[in-house]
Protein backbone atom coordinates (compact mmCIF):
# COMPACT_ATOMS: atom_id res chain seq x y z
CA MET A 1 -25.20 -33.46 18.61
CA LEU A 2 -27.40 -31.54 16.25
CA MET A 3 -29.22 -32.92 13.10
CA ILE A 4 -30.98 -30.84 10.45
CA TYR A 5 -33.92 -32.05 8.35
CA ARG A 6 -36.75 -30.97 6.05
CA ARG A 7 -40.02 -30.24 7.70
CA HIS A 8 -42.36 -30.96 4.82
CA GLY A 9 -45.57 -29.06 4.40
CA PRO A 10 -48.98 -30.30 3.50
CA SER A 11 -48.56 -29.60 -0.15
CA CYS A 12 -45.06 -31.47 -0.34
CA PRO A 13 -45.42 -34.93 -1.76
CA HIS A 14 -42.36 -36.04 0.35
CA LYS A 15 -42.65 -36.93 4.02
CA GLU A 16 -39.37 -38.52 4.87
CA ARG A 17 -36.76 -36.48 6.75
CA ARG A 18 -33.93 -37.67 4.68
CA TRP A 19 -35.35 -36.16 1.48
CA ARG A 20 -33.48 -32.95 0.84
CA ARG A 21 -34.39 -32.08 -2.72
CA CYS A 22 -37.43 -30.07 -2.04
CA LEU A 23 -37.62 -26.46 -0.74
CA CYS A 24 -39.46 -27.14 2.54
CA PRO A 25 -38.15 -25.23 5.62
CA ILE A 26 -35.15 -26.72 7.43
CA TRP A 27 -35.28 -27.50 11.09
CA VAL A 28 -32.82 -28.69 13.54
CA GLU A 29 -32.99 -30.99 16.59
CA GLY A 30 -30.66 -32.42 19.12
CA SER A 31 -28.76 -31.29 22.10
CA LEU A 32 -26.09 -28.55 22.35
CA GLY A 33 -24.14 -28.13 25.59
CA GLY A 34 -26.58 -30.33 27.48
CA VAL A 35 -29.70 -28.34 26.29
CA SER A 36 -32.22 -30.01 24.05
CA MET A 37 -33.04 -28.03 20.92
CA ARG A 38 -35.70 -28.29 18.21
CA ARG A 39 -36.31 -25.16 16.13
CA SER A 40 -36.42 -23.74 12.65
CA MET A 41 -33.19 -22.79 11.07
CA GLY A 42 -34.91 -19.83 9.28
CA THR A 43 -33.60 -20.85 5.93
CA ARG A 44 -34.41 -23.32 3.03
CA ASP A 45 -30.74 -23.64 1.87
CA TRP A 46 -29.20 -26.86 2.96
CA GLU A 47 -25.64 -25.58 2.90
CA VAL A 48 -26.51 -22.43 4.90
CA ALA A 49 -28.22 -24.60 7.54
CA GLN A 50 -25.09 -26.89 7.73
CA ALA A 51 -22.82 -23.86 8.17
CA LYS A 52 -24.95 -22.50 11.01
CA VAL A 53 -24.83 -25.85 12.86
CA ARG A 54 -21.05 -26.16 12.45
CA LYS A 55 -20.57 -22.58 13.83
CA TRP A 56 -22.82 -23.35 16.78
CA GLU A 57 -20.93 -26.59 17.58
CA ASP A 58 -17.68 -24.88 17.12
CA GLU A 59 -18.56 -22.10 19.52
CA GLN A 60 -19.91 -24.60 22.02
CA ARG A 61 -16.78 -26.67 21.77
CA ALA A 62 -14.52 -23.57 22.20
CA SER A 63 -16.49 -22.44 25.19
CA GLU A 64 -16.02 -25.88 26.90
CA LEU A 65 -12.32 -25.62 26.19
CA GLY A 66 -12.22 -21.99 27.33
CA THR A 67 -11.05 -20.82 23.91
CA VAL A 68 -12.38 -18.50 21.16
CA THR A 69 -13.12 -19.58 17.65
CA LEU A 70 -11.04 -18.22 14.85
CA GLU A 71 -14.02 -16.73 13.12
CA ARG A 72 -15.15 -14.90 16.24
CA ALA A 73 -11.56 -13.61 16.97
CA ILE A 74 -11.29 -12.19 13.35
CA GLU A 75 -14.84 -10.53 13.77
CA LEU A 76 -13.81 -8.85 17.07
CA PHE A 77 -10.50 -7.69 15.65
CA LEU A 78 -12.10 -6.02 12.68
CA LEU A 79 -14.60 -4.42 15.01
CA ASP A 80 -11.65 -3.04 17.01
CA ALA A 81 -9.86 -1.79 13.95
CA GLN A 82 -13.05 0.15 13.03
CA ALA A 83 -13.25 1.58 16.55
CA ARG A 84 -9.61 2.74 16.28
CA LYS A 85 -10.49 4.64 13.07
CA LEU A 86 -8.07 2.87 10.92
CA SER A 87 -8.25 3.80 7.20
CA ASP A 88 -10.28 1.79 4.75
CA ALA A 89 -7.16 0.71 2.94
CA THR A 90 -5.75 -0.74 6.10
CA ILE A 91 -8.76 -2.68 6.95
CA GLN A 92 -9.01 -3.93 3.37
CA LYS A 93 -5.50 -5.36 3.69
CA TYR A 94 -6.48 -7.10 6.89
CA ASN A 95 -9.48 -8.51 5.18
CA GLN A 96 -7.30 -9.80 2.46
CA ILE A 97 -4.90 -11.67 4.85
CA PHE A 98 -7.99 -13.07 6.85
CA LYS A 99 -9.41 -14.38 3.53
CA HIS A 100 -6.31 -16.44 3.13
CA LEU A 101 -6.29 -17.44 6.69
CA ARG A 102 -9.86 -18.71 6.50
CA VAL A 103 -9.02 -20.88 3.43
CA PHE A 104 -5.91 -22.25 5.19
CA ALA A 105 -7.91 -23.04 8.38
CA THR A 106 -10.58 -24.85 6.41
CA ILE A 107 -8.02 -27.01 4.67
CA GLN A 108 -6.15 -27.77 7.98
CA ASN A 109 -9.43 -28.21 9.95
CA ILE A 110 -8.49 -25.40 12.20
CA ARG A 111 -11.44 -24.03 14.30
CA SER A 112 -9.85 -22.53 17.45
CA ILE A 113 -7.23 -19.76 17.74
CA ARG A 114 -5.26 -22.12 20.01
CA GLN A 115 -4.59 -24.55 17.02
CA LEU A 116 -2.82 -21.69 15.25
CA ASP A 117 0.62 -22.47 16.89
CA LEU A 118 4.03 -21.65 15.47
CA GLN A 119 4.11 -24.77 13.24
CA ALA A 120 0.62 -23.93 11.83
CA LEU A 121 1.68 -20.21 11.15
CA ARG A 122 4.77 -21.49 9.27
CA ALA A 123 2.70 -23.69 7.14
CA PHE A 124 0.36 -20.73 6.54
CA ARG A 125 3.30 -18.54 5.42
CA VAL A 126 4.45 -21.12 3.02
CA SER A 127 1.10 -20.78 1.26
CA TRP A 128 1.74 -17.04 0.37
CA GLN A 129 2.53 -16.62 -3.24
CA CYS A 130 3.86 -13.11 -3.15
CA SER A 131 6.92 -10.96 -3.25
CA SER A 132 9.24 -10.37 -0.33
CA ILE A 133 7.86 -6.82 0.58
CA THR A 134 4.32 -8.15 0.35
CA SER A 135 5.24 -11.13 2.58
CA LEU A 136 6.77 -8.76 5.16
CA LYS A 137 3.65 -6.58 5.28
CA ARG A 138 1.41 -9.60 5.66
CA LEU A 139 3.62 -10.85 8.58
CA GLN A 140 3.16 -7.54 10.22
CA HIS A 141 -0.54 -7.83 10.02
CA VAL A 142 -0.51 -11.40 11.30
CA ARG A 143 1.56 -10.25 14.24
CA ALA A 144 -0.86 -7.39 15.00
CA PHE A 145 -3.70 -9.92 14.96
CA PHE A 146 -1.98 -12.12 17.45
CA ARG A 147 -1.03 -9.28 19.64
CA PHE A 148 -4.75 -8.54 19.84
CA LEU A 149 -5.35 -12.07 20.89
CA VAL A 150 -2.71 -12.00 23.63
CA SER A 151 -4.02 -8.53 24.94
CA ASN A 152 -7.44 -10.08 25.39
CA GLY A 153 -6.00 -13.09 27.33
CA TRP A 154 -7.22 -15.64 24.70
CA ILE A 155 -3.71 -17.12 24.15
CA ALA A 156 -0.65 -16.93 26.40
CA GLU A 157 1.99 -15.85 23.86
CA ASN A 158 2.33 -14.53 20.34
CA PRO A 159 3.62 -17.25 18.06
CA ALA A 160 3.81 -14.89 15.07
CA SER A 161 6.61 -12.98 16.87
CA LYS A 162 8.76 -15.98 16.43
CA LEU A 163 8.48 -15.95 12.76
CA ARG A 164 11.62 -14.52 11.24
CA PRO A 165 10.95 -11.74 8.53
CA PRO A 166 11.85 -12.36 4.88
CA THR A 167 14.84 -10.67 3.39
CA VAL A 168 13.74 -7.64 1.49
CA ARG A 169 16.17 -6.18 -1.04
CA ASN A 170 15.25 -2.45 -1.51
CA THR A 171 15.68 -1.38 -5.13
CA PRO A 172 17.46 1.96 -5.58
CA THR A 173 15.24 5.10 -6.04
CA LEU A 174 15.36 6.14 -9.64
CA PRO A 175 14.11 9.61 -10.39
CA LEU A 176 13.02 10.83 -13.76
CA THR A 177 15.61 12.75 -15.73
CA LYS A 178 14.87 16.35 -16.78
CA ASP A 179 14.52 15.06 -20.58
CA GLU A 180 12.22 12.34 -19.41
CA VAL A 181 9.94 14.82 -17.51
CA GLY A 182 9.95 17.06 -20.61
CA SER A 183 9.01 14.26 -22.75
CA ILE A 184 6.11 13.27 -20.51
CA VAL A 185 4.81 16.80 -20.43
CA ALA A 186 5.03 17.10 -24.14
CA ALA A 187 3.25 13.76 -24.50
CA CYS A 188 0.23 15.13 -22.62
CA GLU A 189 -0.65 17.18 -25.68
CA ILE A 190 -0.32 14.17 -28.03
CA GLN A 191 -2.39 11.96 -25.72
CA GLY A 192 -4.86 14.49 -24.93
CA GLU A 193 -5.67 15.01 -28.66
CA LYS A 194 -6.36 11.26 -28.97
CA CYS A 195 -8.84 11.20 -26.16
CA ARG A 196 -12.46 11.20 -27.13
CA GLY A 197 -15.34 11.44 -24.77
CA PRO A 198 -18.48 13.33 -24.00
CA VAL A 199 -17.03 14.93 -20.79
CA TYR A 200 -14.09 16.96 -22.12
CA THR A 201 -12.94 18.41 -25.41
CA LYS A 202 -9.51 17.55 -26.73
CA SER A 203 -8.04 20.88 -25.59
CA GLU A 204 -9.55 20.36 -22.09
CA ASN A 205 -7.96 16.85 -22.01
CA VAL A 206 -4.58 18.29 -22.86
CA HIS A 207 -4.85 20.95 -20.04
CA ARG A 208 -5.99 18.34 -17.62
CA LEU A 209 -3.27 15.83 -18.23
CA ARG A 210 -0.52 18.45 -18.20
CA ALA A 211 -1.87 20.00 -14.97
CA PHE A 212 -1.92 16.59 -13.23
CA VAL A 213 1.69 15.69 -14.38
CA LEU A 214 2.99 19.11 -13.25
CA ALA A 215 1.21 18.70 -9.87
CA LEU A 216 2.79 15.28 -9.39
CA ARG A 217 6.28 16.69 -10.28
CA TYR A 218 6.32 19.98 -8.27
CA THR A 219 4.26 19.00 -5.27
CA GLY A 220 5.97 15.71 -4.44
CA MET A 221 2.54 14.30 -3.35
CA ARG A 222 1.34 10.75 -3.85
CA ILE A 223 -1.04 10.18 -6.75
CA GLY A 224 -3.88 9.72 -4.30
CA ASP A 225 -3.27 13.05 -2.75
CA VAL A 226 -2.99 14.82 -6.07
CA THR A 227 -6.24 13.15 -7.24
CA ALA A 228 -8.10 14.42 -4.18
CA LEU A 229 -6.35 17.87 -4.25
CA GLU A 230 -8.89 20.55 -3.14
CA ARG A 231 -8.95 24.02 -4.78
CA ALA A 232 -9.07 25.73 -1.36
CA ARG A 233 -5.58 24.28 -0.63
CA VAL A 234 -3.93 26.30 -3.33
CA GLN A 235 -3.70 30.00 -2.24
CA ASN A 236 -1.22 32.76 -2.68
CA GLY A 237 1.05 30.75 -4.93
CA LYS A 238 1.34 27.99 -2.34
CA VAL A 239 -0.26 24.56 -1.80
CA PHE A 240 -1.24 23.51 1.58
CA LEU A 241 -0.14 19.85 1.86
CA TYR A 242 -2.02 17.56 4.33
CA THR A 243 -1.14 14.11 3.15
CA GLN A 244 -3.77 11.47 3.74
CA LYS A 245 -1.26 8.93 4.89
CA THR A 246 0.44 10.87 7.64
CA GLY A 247 -1.69 13.99 8.14
CA THR A 248 1.39 16.30 8.18
CA PRO A 249 0.50 19.88 7.34
CA VAL A 250 3.00 21.63 5.06
CA TYR A 251 2.97 24.85 2.92
CA LEU A 252 4.84 24.48 -0.40
CA PRO A 253 5.35 27.25 -3.01
CA LEU A 254 4.60 26.37 -6.67
CA PRO A 255 6.12 27.67 -9.78
CA GLU A 256 3.98 30.15 -11.77
CA PHE A 257 3.61 27.92 -14.79
CA VAL A 258 2.29 25.14 -12.51
CA LEU A 259 -0.31 27.51 -10.95
CA ASN A 260 -1.35 28.45 -14.42
CA ALA A 261 -1.73 24.97 -15.51
CA LEU A 262 -4.04 24.30 -12.62
CA GLU A 263 -6.10 27.30 -13.44
CA GLN A 264 -6.40 26.15 -17.03
CA ALA A 265 -7.53 22.67 -16.19
CA PRO A 266 -11.25 22.06 -16.81
CA VAL A 267 -13.44 22.27 -13.78
CA THR A 268 -14.45 18.79 -12.87
CA ASN A 269 -15.78 19.73 -9.42
CA GLU A 270 -16.11 23.07 -7.52
CA ARG A 271 -14.23 21.44 -4.67
CA TYR A 272 -11.45 19.36 -6.40
CA TYR A 273 -9.14 19.86 -9.26
CA PHE A 274 -8.94 16.34 -10.60
CA TRP A 275 -11.92 14.35 -9.07
CA SER A 276 -15.58 14.59 -9.80
CA GLY A 277 -16.29 13.79 -6.21
CA ASN A 278 -18.42 10.79 -7.16
CA GLY A 279 -17.61 7.31 -6.07
CA LYS A 280 -14.50 6.36 -4.11
CA PRO A 281 -11.06 8.18 -4.47
CA LYS A 282 -9.40 4.76 -5.09
CA SER A 283 -11.50 4.43 -8.30
CA ALA A 284 -10.42 7.84 -9.46
CA VAL A 285 -6.84 7.01 -8.75
CA ALA A 286 -7.07 3.88 -10.87
CA ASP A 287 -8.56 6.01 -13.80
CA TRP A 288 -5.65 8.37 -13.56
CA GLN A 289 -3.13 5.50 -13.46
CA ARG A 290 -4.51 4.11 -16.70
CA SER A 291 -4.44 7.59 -18.28
CA LEU A 292 -0.90 8.23 -17.25
CA ALA A 293 0.29 4.78 -18.53
CA LYS A 294 -0.80 5.96 -21.99
CA VAL A 295 1.07 9.15 -21.55
CA TYR A 296 4.27 7.31 -20.45
CA LYS A 297 4.08 5.06 -23.53
CA THR A 298 3.63 8.00 -25.76
CA ALA A 299 6.57 9.74 -24.22
CA GLY A 300 8.81 6.74 -24.68
CA VAL A 301 9.22 6.20 -20.99
CA PRO A 302 7.37 2.93 -20.40
CA ASP A 303 9.04 2.32 -16.96
CA ALA A 304 7.70 5.50 -15.53
CA HIS A 305 4.95 5.57 -12.83
CA ALA A 306 3.42 8.21 -10.65
CA HIS A 307 5.72 7.64 -7.67
CA ARG A 308 8.81 8.43 -9.76
CA PHE A 309 7.66 12.07 -9.82
CA ARG A 310 7.74 12.05 -6.04
CA ASP A 311 11.25 10.57 -6.14
CA THR A 312 12.24 13.16 -8.63
CA PHE A 313 10.91 15.95 -6.32
CA ALA A 314 12.89 14.57 -3.32
CA VAL A 315 16.15 13.94 -5.22
CA GLU A 316 16.19 17.46 -6.80
CA LEU A 317 15.82 18.96 -3.29
CA LEU A 318 18.57 16.70 -1.84
CA LEU A 319 20.94 17.47 -4.65
CA SER A 320 20.36 21.20 -4.09
CA GLY A 321 21.57 20.85 -0.55
CA VAL A 322 18.23 20.82 1.30
CA PRO A 323 18.67 18.88 4.58
CA LEU A 324 17.18 15.37 4.76
CA GLU A 325 14.96 16.50 7.77
CA ARG A 326 13.18 19.16 5.74
CA VAL A 327 12.78 16.96 2.77
CA SER A 328 11.17 14.36 5.07
CA GLU A 329 8.68 17.02 6.22
CA LEU A 330 7.94 18.05 2.64
CA LEU A 331 7.30 14.46 1.69
CA GLY A 332 5.05 13.86 4.78
CA HIS A 333 7.06 10.99 6.00
CA SER A 334 6.33 9.97 9.65
CA SER A 335 9.98 9.50 10.33
CA VAL A 336 13.29 10.71 8.90
CA LYS A 337 14.38 7.13 8.84
CA ILE A 338 11.92 6.38 6.08
CA THR A 339 13.37 9.22 4.05
CA GLU A 340 16.92 8.15 4.83
CA ARG A 341 16.20 4.57 3.77
CA HIS A 342 14.93 5.63 0.30
CA TYR A 343 16.97 8.77 -0.54
CA ALA A 344 20.30 8.47 1.45
CA PRO A 345 22.45 7.87 -1.60
CA TRP A 346 21.15 11.30 -3.05
CA VAL A 347 22.07 13.55 -0.03
CA LEU A 348 24.55 15.93 -1.47
CA GLU A 349 26.22 16.75 1.87
CA ARG A 350 26.80 13.02 2.57
CA GLN A 351 28.18 12.38 -0.89
CA GLU A 352 30.69 15.20 -0.55
CA GLN A 353 31.58 14.00 2.90
CA MET A 354 32.29 10.54 1.51
CA GLU A 355 34.55 11.96 -1.27
CA GLU A 356 36.52 14.01 1.25
CA ASP A 357 36.89 10.92 3.46
CA VAL A 358 38.35 8.92 0.50
CA LYS A 359 40.75 11.73 -0.42
CA ARG A 360 41.89 11.98 3.28
CA ALA A 361 42.72 8.29 3.27
CA TRP A 362 45.06 8.90 0.40
CA LYS A 363 47.51 11.02 2.44
CA GLY A 364 49.41 8.32 3.97
CA ASP A 365 49.63 6.25 0.75
CA PRO A 366 53.28 5.75 -0.37
CA LEU A 367 52.24 5.02 -3.91
CA LEU A 368 50.45 8.36 -4.18
CA ASN A 369 53.55 10.24 -2.73
CA ARG A 370 55.81 8.52 -5.18
CA THR A 371 53.61 9.41 -8.08
CA ILE A 372 53.60 13.01 -7.04
CA SER A 373 57.51 13.11 -6.79
CA VAL A 374 57.86 11.51 -10.23
CA GLN A 375 55.54 13.89 -11.81
CA SER A 376 57.45 16.84 -10.28
CA GLU A 377 60.73 15.46 -11.83
CA ILE A 378 59.22 14.90 -15.17
CA ALA A 379 57.68 18.47 -15.56
CA PRO A 380 61.13 20.24 -15.60
CA ARG A 381 62.38 17.74 -18.22
CA LYS A 382 59.53 18.45 -20.57
CA GLN A 383 60.17 22.14 -20.20
CA LEU A 384 63.87 21.74 -21.22
CA LYS A 385 63.03 19.76 -24.29
CA THR A 386 60.58 22.30 -25.20
CA LYS A 387 63.33 25.06 -24.94
CA GLU A 388 65.82 22.97 -26.98
């Protein structure tokens, strides 16, 4: 057992070990794993010293039990995630779920990963205060963490795999109408005139907002990809799409007025159209989301958001008869199943096929045949009455 105490200096008026209110160095003494210890903690903060001692004792206890502490497992998992070159956004999501897990483990007095059994994980999930889709994503992250533990041989099985996923009801994709898109483009001029700042003039703000909105509508890219759109990617009337999320390269032609809008936009950076290149892209995306929210409000489309331009791009292609596979490539989806899940109701060929299937089912309907025969008898009677 380890015990911490203040080692009072010559100038300190207190000499008792139990006195903690001074700022003298903190030492520890006792035994850990059968080894005597008497050393400086390297801190004058009592809480920091206590946390160090608890960590040492937890690691020693876990070593004796042949297990790994939860904190050590999280640390190694995040190091592995960085070695796998996962995106910063993905690692940030893991950090968020681990933050919740640490709080839960502290309340439940859980130190070892072997204490996180199925019952503990169910209690952990109950503590989540989030939507169904967020809960599903968190469950996927927890399962990935426990697969890592199993692959390292620290636990025998993955208890998270036995947790049933929540029911997620996907809301239908709602593209913007042509009138709504027109209102938003027109609102760029009104909102641009209201903008006041030392960086751009009112005219430059108008061109900048309009170019960004048109890029969202006619490229089908996510707002993050449009924000970081490089000038070198727009050549010969085409934009070379290389989405950050999937890395799928695609060449997409742009209308002439969209190309002109991009050229008229003020030069923020020699490399990018809509980003200064300073700070993180995530911060620039947040700035654009706030600017667009004002444009939507001015346009009278308060329920609009950047992703609906992407939905509009996809739906217009599908209604024009473009195959689902090609739309999936243009959107940069990693699988056609993703495109089908979100846009299947808008596939023109599928809608026409369903209509034909319904009409084909009418052929054997006696009521339909009877209606047709009655109408054929009524028609000559009407013609006779007209002649009389």
